[in-house]
Amino acid sequence: MRRLIFSLSLVAFATSAMAQTDPLADNAGIPNYSRVRDDIAAAGQPTDEALADVQKAGFKAVLNLRTADEGSLEEKPKVEALGMEYYNIQIGSEGFSPEMVEQFKDILDDNENRPILVHCASSNRVGALWYIHQVLNEGEDETAALAEGKQAGLTSEALEGRAKAYVEANKPQ
């Protein structure tokens, strides 16, 4: 029992320390913000003011998973004016494609883009694509990858189902 309490205390301390060292952790202009890796953050749609905070925090790139109908194209000049790279993978209601998953991998694999903020409207699509990426490109266990996807913002059962179906259909044989 003492070990369990000690372990939980360490997790709480580490989480608290991470929040204290991450200048964006409590930024009200970045909904559902979380770090999935030290140099990869997930979030919902940041405000224009929060984009400036993202740049000030040292981020080099922003990857927006929203569609043009959701305003993704209007964000590009704002991000570039701040000196950051801008990428857009438009994930709509049709779900995921191999091209989207490959583009996501390529953007994340380019160390020049790190640290990177990956966002959509709520971070739901970020979590779903993170789950897919972790399983298919990083070889992570599906259960662990799903937990990471949920940490990154995956909350929709329907989107989770589409992501799982994509993984199942695209697993190497």
N, C-alpha and C. Protein backbone atom coordinates (compact mmCIF):
# COMPACT_ATOMS: atom_id res chain seq x y z
N MET A 1 0.82 -1.19 0.00
CA MET A 1 0.00 0.00 0.00
C MET A 1 0.87 1.26 0.00
N ARG A 2 1.95 1.24 0.76
CA ARG A 2 2.84 2.40 0.80
C ARG A 2 3.45 2.66 -0.57
N ARG A 3 3.81 1.57 -1.27
CA ARG A 3 4.38 1.74 -2.61
C ARG A 3 3.38 2.38 -3.56
N LEU A 4 2.13 1.96 -3.46
CA LEU A 4 1.09 2.53 -4.31
C LEU A 4 0.94 4.02 -4.02
N ILE A 5 0.87 4.37 -2.77
CA ILE A 5 0.73 5.78 -2.39
C ILE A 5 1.96 6.57 -2.85
N PHE A 6 3.13 6.00 -2.67
CA PHE A 6 4.36 6.65 -3.10
C PHE A 6 4.36 6.85 -4.61
N SER A 7 3.96 5.80 -5.36
CA SER A 7 3.92 5.89 -6.82
C SER A 7 2.93 6.95 -7.28
N LEU A 8 1.76 6.98 -6.66
CA LEU A 8 0.77 7.99 -7.03
C LEU A 8 1.26 9.39 -6.70
N SER A 9 1.99 9.52 -5.60
CA SER A 9 2.54 10.81 -5.23
C SER A 9 3.56 11.28 -6.27
N LEU A 10 4.39 10.35 -6.75
CA LEU A 10 5.37 10.70 -7.77
C LEU A 10 4.69 11.16 -9.06
N VAL A 11 3.63 10.45 -9.46
CA VAL A 11 2.90 10.83 -10.67
C VAL A 11 2.29 12.22 -10.49
N ALA A 12 1.68 12.48 -9.35
CA ALA A 12 1.09 13.78 -9.08
C ALA A 12 2.15 14.87 -9.09
N PHE A 13 3.31 14.59 -8.49
CA PHE A 13 4.39 15.56 -8.46
C PHE A 13 4.90 15.84 -9.87
N ALA A 14 5.10 14.79 -10.65
CA ALA A 14 5.60 14.96 -12.02
C ALA A 14 4.60 15.75 -12.86
N THR A 15 3.32 15.44 -12.72
CA THR A 15 2.29 16.17 -13.46
C THR A 15 2.28 17.64 -13.05
N SER A 16 2.37 17.89 -11.76
CA SER A 16 2.39 19.25 -11.25
C SER A 16 3.63 19.99 -11.75
N ALA A 17 4.78 19.34 -11.71
CA ALA A 17 6.02 19.97 -12.16
C ALA A 17 5.96 20.28 -13.64
N MET A 18 5.37 19.37 -14.45
CA MET A 18 5.26 19.61 -15.88
C MET A 18 4.37 20.82 -16.14
N ALA A 19 3.25 20.91 -15.42
CA ALA A 19 2.33 22.04 -15.61
C ALA A 19 3.02 23.35 -15.24
N GLN A 20 3.87 23.32 -14.21
CA GLN A 20 4.55 24.53 -13.78
C GLN A 20 5.61 24.97 -14.78
N THR A 21 6.23 24.02 -15.49
CA THR A 21 7.28 24.37 -16.41
C THR A 21 6.77 24.64 -17.82
N ASP A 22 5.54 24.28 -18.12
CA ASP A 22 4.96 24.49 -19.44
C ASP A 22 4.16 25.80 -19.41
N PRO A 23 4.65 26.84 -20.07
CA PRO A 23 3.98 28.13 -20.01
C PRO A 23 2.59 28.14 -20.64
N LEU A 24 2.25 27.10 -21.39
CA LEU A 24 0.94 27.05 -22.05
C LEU A 24 -0.07 26.20 -21.31
N ALA A 25 0.36 25.54 -20.24
CA ALA A 25 -0.50 24.58 -19.55
C ALA A 25 -1.81 25.17 -19.05
N ASP A 26 -1.81 26.39 -18.61
CA ASP A 26 -3.02 27.00 -18.07
C ASP A 26 -3.53 28.15 -18.93
N ASN A 27 -3.16 28.16 -20.20
CA ASN A 27 -3.55 29.25 -21.09
C ASN A 27 -5.01 29.07 -21.49
N ALA A 28 -5.85 29.98 -21.07
CA ALA A 28 -7.29 29.89 -21.34
C ALA A 28 -7.60 29.98 -22.84
N GLY A 29 -6.69 30.50 -23.62
CA GLY A 29 -6.89 30.63 -25.06
C GLY A 29 -6.57 29.38 -25.85
N ILE A 30 -6.16 28.31 -25.14
CA ILE A 30 -5.83 27.04 -25.80
C ILE A 30 -6.61 25.93 -25.11
N PRO A 31 -7.82 25.65 -25.59
CA PRO A 31 -8.64 24.62 -24.92
C PRO A 31 -8.05 23.22 -25.06
N ASN A 32 -8.25 22.43 -24.04
CA ASN A 32 -7.86 21.01 -24.03
C ASN A 32 -6.38 20.79 -24.33
N TYR A 33 -5.55 21.71 -23.91
CA TYR A 33 -4.10 21.63 -24.15
C TYR A 33 -3.48 20.50 -23.33
N SER A 34 -2.61 19.72 -23.97
CA SER A 34 -1.84 18.70 -23.26
C SER A 34 -0.56 18.43 -24.04
N ARG A 35 0.42 17.91 -23.34
CA ARG A 35 1.67 17.49 -24.00
C ARG A 35 1.62 15.98 -24.16
N VAL A 36 1.72 15.50 -25.40
CA VAL A 36 1.77 14.07 -25.63
C VAL A 36 3.23 13.58 -25.64
N ARG A 37 4.12 14.48 -25.93
CA ARG A 37 5.56 14.26 -25.84
C ARG A 37 6.15 15.61 -25.41
N ASP A 38 7.41 15.61 -25.02
CA ASP A 38 8.03 16.87 -24.61
C ASP A 38 7.95 17.93 -25.70
N ASP A 39 8.02 17.50 -26.96
CA ASP A 39 8.05 18.44 -28.07
C ASP A 39 6.83 18.35 -28.99
N ILE A 40 5.75 17.73 -28.51
CA ILE A 40 4.50 17.64 -29.27
C ILE A 40 3.35 17.93 -28.31
N ALA A 41 2.58 18.97 -28.64
CA ALA A 41 1.42 19.33 -27.83
C ALA A 41 0.15 19.15 -28.66
N ALA A 42 -0.93 18.81 -27.98
CA ALA A 42 -2.25 18.64 -28.59
C ALA A 42 -3.18 19.69 -27.99
N ALA A 43 -4.14 20.15 -28.80
CA ALA A 43 -5.05 21.16 -28.28
C ALA A 43 -6.27 21.32 -29.18
N GLY A 44 -7.23 22.06 -28.63
CA GLY A 44 -8.34 22.57 -29.42
C GLY A 44 -7.88 23.86 -30.09
N GLN A 45 -8.80 24.52 -30.76
CA GLN A 45 -8.48 25.73 -31.52
C GLN A 45 -7.97 26.85 -30.62
N PRO A 46 -6.71 27.27 -30.84
CA PRO A 46 -6.19 28.40 -30.05
C PRO A 46 -6.73 29.73 -30.59
N THR A 47 -6.87 30.68 -29.70
CA THR A 47 -7.22 32.04 -30.12
C THR A 47 -6.01 32.66 -30.82
N ASP A 48 -6.24 33.78 -31.51
CA ASP A 48 -5.12 34.48 -32.15
C ASP A 48 -4.08 34.90 -31.12
N GLU A 49 -4.54 35.37 -29.97
CA GLU A 49 -3.62 35.78 -28.90
C GLU A 49 -2.81 34.59 -28.40
N ALA A 50 -3.47 33.44 -28.29
CA ALA A 50 -2.79 32.24 -27.82
C ALA A 50 -1.76 31.75 -28.83
N LEU A 51 -2.01 31.97 -30.12
CA LEU A 51 -1.00 31.60 -31.13
C LEU A 51 0.30 32.37 -30.88
N ALA A 52 0.19 33.62 -30.49
CA ALA A 52 1.39 34.41 -30.15
C ALA A 52 2.08 33.81 -28.93
N ASP A 53 1.30 33.32 -27.96
CA ASP A 53 1.87 32.67 -26.78
C ASP A 53 2.58 31.37 -27.16
N VAL A 54 2.02 30.66 -28.13
CA VAL A 54 2.63 29.42 -28.62
C VAL A 54 4.01 29.74 -29.20
N GLN A 55 4.08 30.79 -29.99
CA GLN A 55 5.36 31.20 -30.58
C GLN A 55 6.34 31.62 -29.49
N LYS A 56 5.87 32.39 -28.51
CA LYS A 56 6.74 32.85 -27.43
C LYS A 56 7.25 31.68 -26.59
N ALA A 57 6.48 30.60 -26.54
CA ALA A 57 6.89 29.41 -25.78
C ALA A 57 7.90 28.56 -26.54
N GLY A 58 8.27 29.00 -27.75
CA GLY A 58 9.32 28.31 -28.49
C GLY A 58 8.86 27.31 -29.53
N PHE A 59 7.57 27.23 -29.78
CA PHE A 59 7.08 26.30 -30.79
C PHE A 59 7.51 26.77 -32.17
N LYS A 60 7.87 25.81 -33.01
CA LYS A 60 8.35 26.12 -34.35
C LYS A 60 7.29 25.91 -35.42
N ALA A 61 6.25 25.12 -35.08
CA ALA A 61 5.25 24.80 -36.10
C ALA A 61 3.89 24.56 -35.47
N VAL A 62 2.86 24.75 -36.30
CA VAL A 62 1.48 24.48 -35.93
C VAL A 62 0.90 23.58 -37.02
N LEU A 63 0.26 22.51 -36.60
CA LEU A 63 -0.44 21.61 -37.51
C LEU A 63 -1.91 21.66 -37.17
N ASN A 64 -2.71 22.13 -38.10
CA ASN A 64 -4.15 22.30 -37.91
C ASN A 64 -4.86 21.16 -38.64
N LEU A 65 -5.72 20.44 -37.95
CA LEU A 65 -6.47 19.33 -38.55
C LEU A 65 -7.89 19.74 -38.95
N ARG A 66 -8.18 21.03 -38.89
CA ARG A 66 -9.51 21.52 -39.26
C ARG A 66 -9.61 21.68 -40.78
N THR A 67 -10.84 21.69 -41.26
CA THR A 67 -11.08 21.83 -42.70
C THR A 67 -11.14 23.31 -43.08
N ALA A 68 -11.13 23.56 -44.38
CA ALA A 68 -11.25 24.93 -44.88
C ALA A 68 -12.58 25.54 -44.45
N ASP A 69 -13.64 24.73 -44.42
CA ASP A 69 -14.94 25.23 -43.97
C ASP A 69 -14.91 25.67 -42.51
N GLU A 70 -13.96 25.15 -41.75
CA GLU A 70 -13.82 25.52 -40.34
C GLU A 70 -12.84 26.67 -40.14
N GLY A 71 -12.28 27.19 -41.21
CA GLY A 71 -11.39 28.34 -41.09
C GLY A 71 -9.91 28.02 -41.05
N SER A 72 -9.53 26.81 -41.45
CA SER A 72 -8.11 26.45 -41.36
C SER A 72 -7.23 27.34 -42.25
N LEU A 73 -7.75 27.78 -43.37
CA LEU A 73 -6.94 28.59 -44.28
C LEU A 73 -6.67 29.99 -43.74
N GLU A 74 -7.58 30.50 -42.91
CA GLU A 74 -7.37 31.82 -42.32
C GLU A 74 -6.28 31.81 -41.24
N GLU A 75 -5.99 30.64 -40.70
CA GLU A 75 -4.97 30.55 -39.66
C GLU A 75 -3.56 30.62 -40.24
N LYS A 76 -3.38 30.15 -41.46
CA LYS A 76 -2.05 30.07 -42.07
C LYS A 76 -1.28 31.40 -42.02
N PRO A 77 -1.84 32.51 -42.52
CA PRO A 77 -1.04 33.75 -42.47
C PRO A 77 -0.76 34.24 -41.06
N LYS A 78 -1.64 33.94 -40.13
CA LYS A 78 -1.42 34.35 -38.73
C LYS A 78 -0.22 33.61 -38.14
N VAL A 79 -0.15 32.31 -38.40
CA VAL A 79 0.95 31.49 -37.87
C VAL A 79 2.26 31.89 -38.54
N GLU A 80 2.22 32.04 -39.86
CA GLU A 80 3.44 32.40 -40.59
C GLU A 80 3.94 33.79 -40.21
N ALA A 81 3.02 34.72 -39.92
CA ALA A 81 3.43 36.07 -39.49
C ALA A 81 4.18 36.03 -38.16
N LEU A 82 3.92 34.99 -37.38
CA LEU A 82 4.62 34.81 -36.10
C LEU A 82 5.95 34.09 -36.27
N GLY A 83 6.28 33.71 -37.51
CA GLY A 83 7.55 33.05 -37.79
C GLY A 83 7.55 31.54 -37.61
N MET A 84 6.37 30.96 -37.51
CA MET A 84 6.26 29.51 -37.36
C MET A 84 5.82 28.88 -38.68
N GLU A 85 6.15 27.63 -38.85
CA GLU A 85 5.68 26.86 -40.00
C GLU A 85 4.22 26.50 -39.77
N TYR A 86 3.45 26.44 -40.85
CA TYR A 86 2.04 26.08 -40.75
C TYR A 86 1.75 24.90 -41.66
N TYR A 87 1.06 23.92 -41.10
CA TYR A 87 0.63 22.74 -41.86
C TYR A 87 -0.86 22.54 -41.63
N ASN A 88 -1.51 21.96 -42.62
CA ASN A 88 -2.94 21.71 -42.51
C ASN A 88 -3.27 20.37 -43.15
N ILE A 89 -3.78 19.47 -42.35
CA ILE A 89 -4.32 18.20 -42.84
C ILE A 89 -5.82 18.28 -42.55
N GLN A 90 -6.61 18.42 -43.57
CA GLN A 90 -8.04 18.65 -43.39
C GLN A 90 -8.78 17.34 -43.16
N ILE A 91 -9.12 17.10 -41.90
CA ILE A 91 -9.85 15.89 -41.53
C ILE A 91 -11.30 16.27 -41.26
N GLY A 92 -12.16 15.83 -42.16
CA GLY A 92 -13.58 16.11 -42.02
C GLY A 92 -14.34 14.87 -41.59
N SER A 93 -15.62 14.88 -41.84
CA SER A 93 -16.48 13.79 -41.40
C SER A 93 -16.22 12.49 -42.15
N GLU A 94 -15.52 12.57 -43.29
CA GLU A 94 -15.21 11.34 -44.04
C GLU A 94 -14.17 10.47 -43.35
N GLY A 95 -13.48 11.01 -42.37
CA GLY A 95 -12.53 10.21 -41.60
C GLY A 95 -11.11 10.33 -42.12
N PHE A 96 -10.39 9.25 -42.01
CA PHE A 96 -8.95 9.25 -42.25
C PHE A 96 -8.61 8.54 -43.55
N SER A 97 -7.51 8.96 -44.16
CA SER A 97 -7.01 8.31 -45.36
C SER A 97 -5.54 7.97 -45.16
N PRO A 98 -5.02 7.04 -45.93
CA PRO A 98 -3.58 6.74 -45.84
C PRO A 98 -2.72 7.97 -46.10
N GLU A 99 -3.16 8.85 -46.98
CA GLU A 99 -2.39 10.06 -47.28
C GLU A 99 -2.32 10.98 -46.06
N MET A 100 -3.42 11.09 -45.34
CA MET A 100 -3.44 11.92 -44.13
C MET A 100 -2.50 11.36 -43.07
N VAL A 101 -2.57 10.07 -42.89
CA VAL A 101 -1.74 9.42 -41.87
C VAL A 101 -0.27 9.55 -42.23
N GLU A 102 0.07 9.40 -43.51
CA GLU A 102 1.45 9.53 -43.97
C GLU A 102 1.93 10.97 -43.83
N GLN A 103 1.09 11.93 -44.18
CA GLN A 103 1.46 13.33 -44.05
C GLN A 103 1.70 13.69 -42.57
N PHE A 104 0.84 13.20 -41.69
CA PHE A 104 1.01 13.42 -40.25
C PHE A 104 2.37 12.89 -39.79
N LYS A 105 2.69 11.66 -40.20
CA LYS A 105 3.97 11.05 -39.85
C LYS A 105 5.14 11.90 -40.36
N ASP A 106 5.07 12.31 -41.62
CA ASP A 106 6.15 13.10 -42.21
C ASP A 106 6.37 14.41 -41.48
N ILE A 107 5.29 15.08 -41.11
CA ILE A 107 5.40 16.35 -40.40
C ILE A 107 6.02 16.13 -39.02
N LEU A 108 5.55 15.10 -38.31
CA LEU A 108 6.10 14.83 -36.98
C LEU A 108 7.54 14.34 -37.03
N ASP A 109 7.90 13.62 -38.08
CA ASP A 109 9.26 13.09 -38.21
C ASP A 109 10.30 14.16 -38.51
N ASP A 110 9.87 15.31 -38.99
CA ASP A 110 10.79 16.39 -39.33
C ASP A 110 11.13 17.18 -38.06
N ASN A 111 12.32 16.96 -37.54
CA ASN A 111 12.73 17.62 -36.29
C ASN A 111 12.75 19.14 -36.39
N GLU A 112 12.80 19.68 -37.60
CA GLU A 112 12.77 21.14 -37.78
C GLU A 112 11.42 21.71 -37.34
N ASN A 113 10.40 20.86 -37.25
CA ASN A 113 9.06 21.30 -36.85
C ASN A 113 8.83 21.24 -35.35
N ARG A 114 9.82 20.86 -34.60
CA ARG A 114 9.61 20.66 -33.17
C ARG A 114 10.21 21.78 -32.35
N PRO A 115 9.52 22.13 -31.28
CA PRO A 115 8.23 21.63 -30.82
C PRO A 115 7.09 22.06 -31.75
N ILE A 116 6.06 21.24 -31.77
CA ILE A 116 4.92 21.46 -32.64
C ILE A 116 3.62 21.39 -31.85
N LEU A 117 2.69 22.26 -32.21
CA LEU A 117 1.34 22.23 -31.65
C LEU A 117 0.43 21.64 -32.71
N VAL A 118 -0.26 20.55 -32.37
CA VAL A 118 -1.22 19.92 -33.27
C VAL A 118 -2.60 20.20 -32.69
N HIS A 119 -3.48 20.79 -33.51
CA HIS A 119 -4.80 21.13 -32.98
C HIS A 119 -5.89 20.89 -34.02
N CYS A 120 -7.10 20.83 -33.52
CA CYS A 120 -8.32 20.86 -34.32
C CYS A 120 -9.28 21.76 -33.56
N ALA A 121 -10.56 21.53 -33.66
CA ALA A 121 -11.50 22.38 -32.93
C ALA A 121 -11.46 22.12 -31.44
N SER A 122 -11.43 20.83 -31.07
CA SER A 122 -11.52 20.46 -29.65
C SER A 122 -10.37 19.59 -29.16
N SER A 123 -9.57 19.08 -30.07
CA SER A 123 -8.48 18.13 -29.85
C SER A 123 -8.95 16.68 -30.03
N ASN A 124 -10.18 16.49 -30.41
CA ASN A 124 -10.74 15.16 -30.62
C ASN A 124 -10.07 14.46 -31.82
N ARG A 125 -9.98 15.16 -32.95
CA ARG A 125 -9.32 14.59 -34.13
C ARG A 125 -7.83 14.39 -33.87
N VAL A 126 -7.24 15.28 -33.08
CA VAL A 126 -5.81 15.13 -32.73
C VAL A 126 -5.62 13.80 -32.01
N GLY A 127 -6.46 13.53 -31.02
CA GLY A 127 -6.35 12.27 -30.27
C GLY A 127 -6.56 11.05 -31.13
N ALA A 128 -7.52 11.12 -32.05
CA ALA A 128 -7.79 9.99 -32.94
C ALA A 128 -6.61 9.74 -33.87
N LEU A 129 -6.08 10.80 -34.46
CA LEU A 129 -4.95 10.64 -35.38
C LEU A 129 -3.69 10.23 -34.61
N TRP A 130 -3.53 10.71 -33.39
CA TRP A 130 -2.39 10.29 -32.56
C TRP A 130 -2.46 8.78 -32.30
N TYR A 131 -3.65 8.29 -31.96
CA TYR A 131 -3.84 6.85 -31.74
C TYR A 131 -3.44 6.07 -33.00
N ILE A 132 -3.95 6.47 -34.15
CA ILE A 132 -3.63 5.79 -35.40
C ILE A 132 -2.12 5.82 -35.64
N HIS A 133 -1.52 6.98 -35.49
CA HIS A 133 -0.07 7.14 -35.71
C HIS A 133 0.74 6.24 -34.78
N GLN A 134 0.38 6.21 -33.52
CA GLN A 134 1.13 5.42 -32.56
C GLN A 134 1.07 3.92 -32.89
N VAL A 135 -0.09 3.45 -33.31
CA VAL A 135 -0.22 2.02 -33.61
C VAL A 135 0.46 1.68 -34.94
N LEU A 136 0.12 2.41 -36.00
CA LEU A 136 0.58 2.03 -37.33
C LEU A 136 2.01 2.47 -37.66
N ASN A 137 2.42 3.62 -37.14
CA ASN A 137 3.75 4.14 -37.49
C ASN A 137 4.79 3.92 -36.40
N GLU A 138 4.36 3.84 -35.15
CA GLU A 138 5.31 3.69 -34.06
C GLU A 138 5.28 2.29 -33.45
N GLY A 139 4.34 1.45 -33.88
CA GLY A 139 4.27 0.07 -33.40
C GLY A 139 3.83 -0.08 -31.95
N GLU A 140 3.14 0.92 -31.44
CA GLU A 140 2.71 0.87 -30.04
C GLU A 140 1.50 -0.05 -29.89
N ASP A 141 1.39 -0.65 -28.74
CA ASP A 141 0.25 -1.48 -28.37
C ASP A 141 -1.04 -0.65 -28.49
N GLU A 142 -2.11 -1.26 -29.01
CA GLU A 142 -3.35 -0.52 -29.23
C GLU A 142 -3.95 0.06 -27.95
N THR A 143 -3.88 -0.68 -26.88
CA THR A 143 -4.45 -0.20 -25.62
C THR A 143 -3.69 1.02 -25.12
N ALA A 144 -2.38 0.96 -25.13
CA ALA A 144 -1.56 2.10 -24.69
C ALA A 144 -1.75 3.29 -25.63
N ALA A 145 -1.81 3.02 -26.93
CA ALA A 145 -2.00 4.10 -27.91
C ALA A 145 -3.37 4.76 -27.73
N LEU A 146 -4.39 3.98 -27.42
CA LEU A 146 -5.71 4.54 -27.20
C LEU A 146 -5.71 5.44 -25.95
N ALA A 147 -5.02 5.00 -24.92
CA ALA A 147 -4.92 5.83 -23.71
C ALA A 147 -4.23 7.15 -24.03
N GLU A 148 -3.19 7.11 -24.85
CA GLU A 148 -2.50 8.34 -25.26
C GLU A 148 -3.41 9.20 -26.12
N GLY A 149 -4.17 8.55 -27.01
CA GLY A 149 -5.12 9.30 -27.84
C GLY A 149 -6.14 10.03 -27.00
N LYS A 150 -6.62 9.37 -25.96
CA LYS A 150 -7.58 10.01 -25.07
C LYS A 150 -6.94 11.14 -24.29
N GLN A 151 -5.69 10.97 -23.89
CA GLN A 151 -4.97 12.05 -23.21
C GLN A 151 -4.82 13.24 -24.16
N ALA A 152 -4.65 12.95 -25.44
CA ALA A 152 -4.47 14.01 -26.44
C ALA A 152 -5.79 14.66 -26.85
N GLY A 153 -6.92 14.12 -26.37
CA GLY A 153 -8.19 14.80 -26.64
C GLY A 153 -9.30 13.96 -27.23
N LEU A 154 -9.06 12.70 -27.52
CA LEU A 154 -10.09 11.85 -28.11
C LEU A 154 -11.19 11.58 -27.09
N THR A 155 -12.40 12.09 -27.36
CA THR A 155 -13.52 11.87 -26.45
C THR A 155 -14.74 11.28 -27.15
N SER A 156 -14.83 11.44 -28.46
CA SER A 156 -15.99 10.97 -29.21
C SER A 156 -15.93 9.47 -29.44
N GLU A 157 -16.96 8.77 -29.01
CA GLU A 157 -17.01 7.32 -29.23
C GLU A 157 -17.09 7.01 -30.72
N ALA A 158 -17.83 7.83 -31.47
CA ALA A 158 -17.95 7.61 -32.92
C ALA A 158 -16.59 7.77 -33.60
N LEU A 159 -15.85 8.81 -33.25
CA LEU A 159 -14.53 9.04 -33.85
C LEU A 159 -13.56 7.95 -33.40
N GLU A 160 -13.65 7.54 -32.15
CA GLU A 160 -12.82 6.43 -31.68
C GLU A 160 -13.09 5.18 -32.50
N GLY A 161 -14.36 4.91 -32.77
CA GLY A 161 -14.72 3.75 -33.59
C GLY A 161 -14.14 3.84 -34.99
N ARG A 162 -14.19 5.03 -35.60
CA ARG A 162 -13.62 5.20 -36.95
C ARG A 162 -12.10 5.03 -36.93
N ALA A 163 -11.47 5.54 -35.87
CA ALA A 163 -10.01 5.39 -35.77
C ALA A 163 -9.62 3.92 -35.59
N LYS A 164 -10.36 3.21 -34.75
CA LYS A 164 -10.09 1.78 -34.55
C LYS A 164 -10.32 1.00 -35.84
N ALA A 165 -11.37 1.33 -36.56
CA ALA A 165 -11.65 0.65 -37.83
C ALA A 165 -10.54 0.94 -38.84
N TYR A 166 -10.03 2.16 -38.85
CA TYR A 166 -8.93 2.51 -39.75
C TYR A 166 -7.69 1.68 -39.42
N VAL A 167 -7.38 1.60 -38.12
CA VAL A 167 -6.22 0.81 -37.69
C VAL A 167 -6.39 -0.64 -38.10
N GLU A 168 -7.55 -1.19 -37.84
CA GLU A 168 -7.79 -2.59 -38.17
C GLU A 168 -7.64 -2.85 -39.67
N ALA A 169 -8.15 -1.95 -40.49
CA ALA A 169 -8.10 -2.12 -41.94
C ALA A 169 -6.70 -1.89 -42.51
N ASN A 170 -5.84 -1.20 -41.77
CA ASN A 170 -4.53 -0.83 -42.30
C ASN A 170 -3.34 -1.46 -41.57
N LYS A 171 -3.61 -2.40 -40.69
CA LYS A 171 -2.53 -3.09 -39.99
C LYS A 171 -1.72 -3.91 -41.00
N PRO A 172 -0.41 -3.93 -40.82
CA PRO A 172 0.39 -4.82 -41.70
C PRO A 172 0.01 -6.27 -41.44
N GLN A 173 -0.08 -7.03 -42.50
CA GLN A 173 -0.46 -8.44 -42.37
C GLN A 173 0.72 -9.31 -42.05
